[in-house]
Amino acid sequence: MVEGKVCDEWNRTSMIACILANSNRDPKKSKAFTMSDFHPLLKSKTDDVIHDNKEGFRQLKKLFTKDNPEVIKGNRIVEE
């Protein structure tokens, strides 16, 4: 029930932000905004998701094997 209330509030907030952004944009220079551009709970259509499992495993292997010249320190990857 709480999730529904939060989603409903974000629906209204994102609609207001969408209206404000579209009323202040230059139609010749940019495309129209949608509610999903401002709604943090809606999934974006342009998510960077790897759908090929083999490619995902290759990237994980590259990240976590000893052959990798990059080392994870804290929250960032540092080349040594």
Protein backbone atom coordinates (compact mmCIF):
# COMPACT_ATOMS: atom_id res chain seq x y z
CA MET A 1 0.00 0.00 0.00
CA VAL A 2 2.89 2.33 0.79
CA GLU A 3 4.54 1.50 -2.53
CA GLY A 4 1.36 2.45 -4.37
CA LYS A 5 1.20 5.79 -2.58
CA VAL A 6 4.85 6.52 -3.35
CA CYS A 7 4.38 5.57 -7.00
CA ASP A 8 1.26 7.74 -7.22
CA GLU A 9 3.13 10.70 -5.76
CA TRP A 10 5.99 10.18 -8.24
CA ASN A 11 3.45 9.98 -11.08
CA ARG A 12 2.15 13.44 -10.19
CA THR A 13 5.62 14.89 -9.59
CA SER A 14 7.01 13.54 -12.84
CA MET A 15 3.99 14.84 -14.77
CA ILE A 16 4.53 18.35 -13.35
CA ALA A 17 8.25 18.20 -14.15
CA CYS A 18 7.45 16.96 -17.67
CA ILE A 19 4.99 19.81 -18.28
CA LEU A 20 7.46 22.41 -17.00
CA ALA A 21 10.34 21.03 -19.06
CA ASN A 22 8.25 20.80 -22.24
CA SER A 23 6.90 24.32 -21.83
CA ASN A 24 10.43 25.72 -21.47
CA ARG A 25 12.23 23.71 -24.15
CA ASP A 26 13.05 24.82 -27.68
CA PRO A 27 11.02 22.51 -29.98
CA LYS A 28 13.51 23.01 -32.81
CA LYS A 29 16.52 21.91 -30.77
CA SER A 30 15.27 19.09 -28.55
CA LYS A 31 12.73 16.32 -28.45
CA ALA A 32 9.73 16.35 -26.15
CA PHE A 33 10.21 15.00 -22.65
CA THR A 34 8.09 12.17 -21.29
CA MET A 35 7.04 11.32 -17.75
CA SER A 36 9.52 8.45 -17.68
CA ASP A 37 12.38 10.94 -18.09
CA PHE A 38 11.59 12.27 -14.60
CA HIS A 39 10.11 9.20 -12.87
CA PRO A 40 12.78 7.31 -10.91
CA LEU A 41 10.60 4.24 -10.33
CA LEU A 42 9.87 3.55 -14.00
CA LYS A 43 12.36 1.48 -15.92
CA SER A 44 14.12 3.32 -18.69
CA LYS A 45 13.99 1.95 -22.23
CA THR A 46 17.67 2.75 -22.70
CA ASP A 47 19.09 0.68 -19.85
CA ASP A 48 22.58 -0.59 -20.54
CA VAL A 49 21.80 -4.27 -20.10
CA ILE A 50 23.88 -7.08 -21.51
CA HIS A 51 21.45 -9.65 -22.88
CA ASP A 52 24.12 -12.06 -24.11
CA ASN A 53 25.19 -14.24 -21.18
CA LYS A 54 28.48 -15.16 -22.84
CA GLU A 55 29.45 -11.50 -23.13
CA GLY A 56 28.51 -10.92 -19.50
CA PHE A 57 30.65 -13.85 -18.37
CA ARG A 58 33.55 -12.58 -20.49
CA GLN A 59 33.35 -9.20 -18.80
CA LEU A 60 33.13 -10.74 -15.32
CA LYS A 61 36.08 -13.01 -16.08
CA LYS A 62 38.08 -10.05 -17.32
CA LEU A 63 37.26 -8.15 -14.15
CA PHE A 64 38.02 -10.89 -11.61
CA THR A 65 40.93 -12.87 -13.07
CA LYS A 66 44.62 -12.39 -12.41
CA ASP A 67 45.25 -11.53 -16.06
CA ASN A 68 43.43 -8.26 -15.53
CA PRO A 69 45.84 -5.28 -15.32
CA GLU A 70 43.20 -3.29 -13.47
CA VAL A 71 42.87 -3.66 -9.71
CA ILE A 72 39.80 -2.77 -7.69
CA LYS A 73 40.65 -0.36 -4.87
CA GLY A 74 37.74 0.83 -2.79
CA ASN A 75 34.89 1.69 -5.15
CA ARG A 76 36.98 2.43 -8.22
CA ILE A 77 39.06 0.49 -10.70
CA VAL A 78 42.68 1.61 -10.87
CA GLU A 79 45.22 0.58 -13.49
CA GLU A 80 48.62 -0.41 -12.15
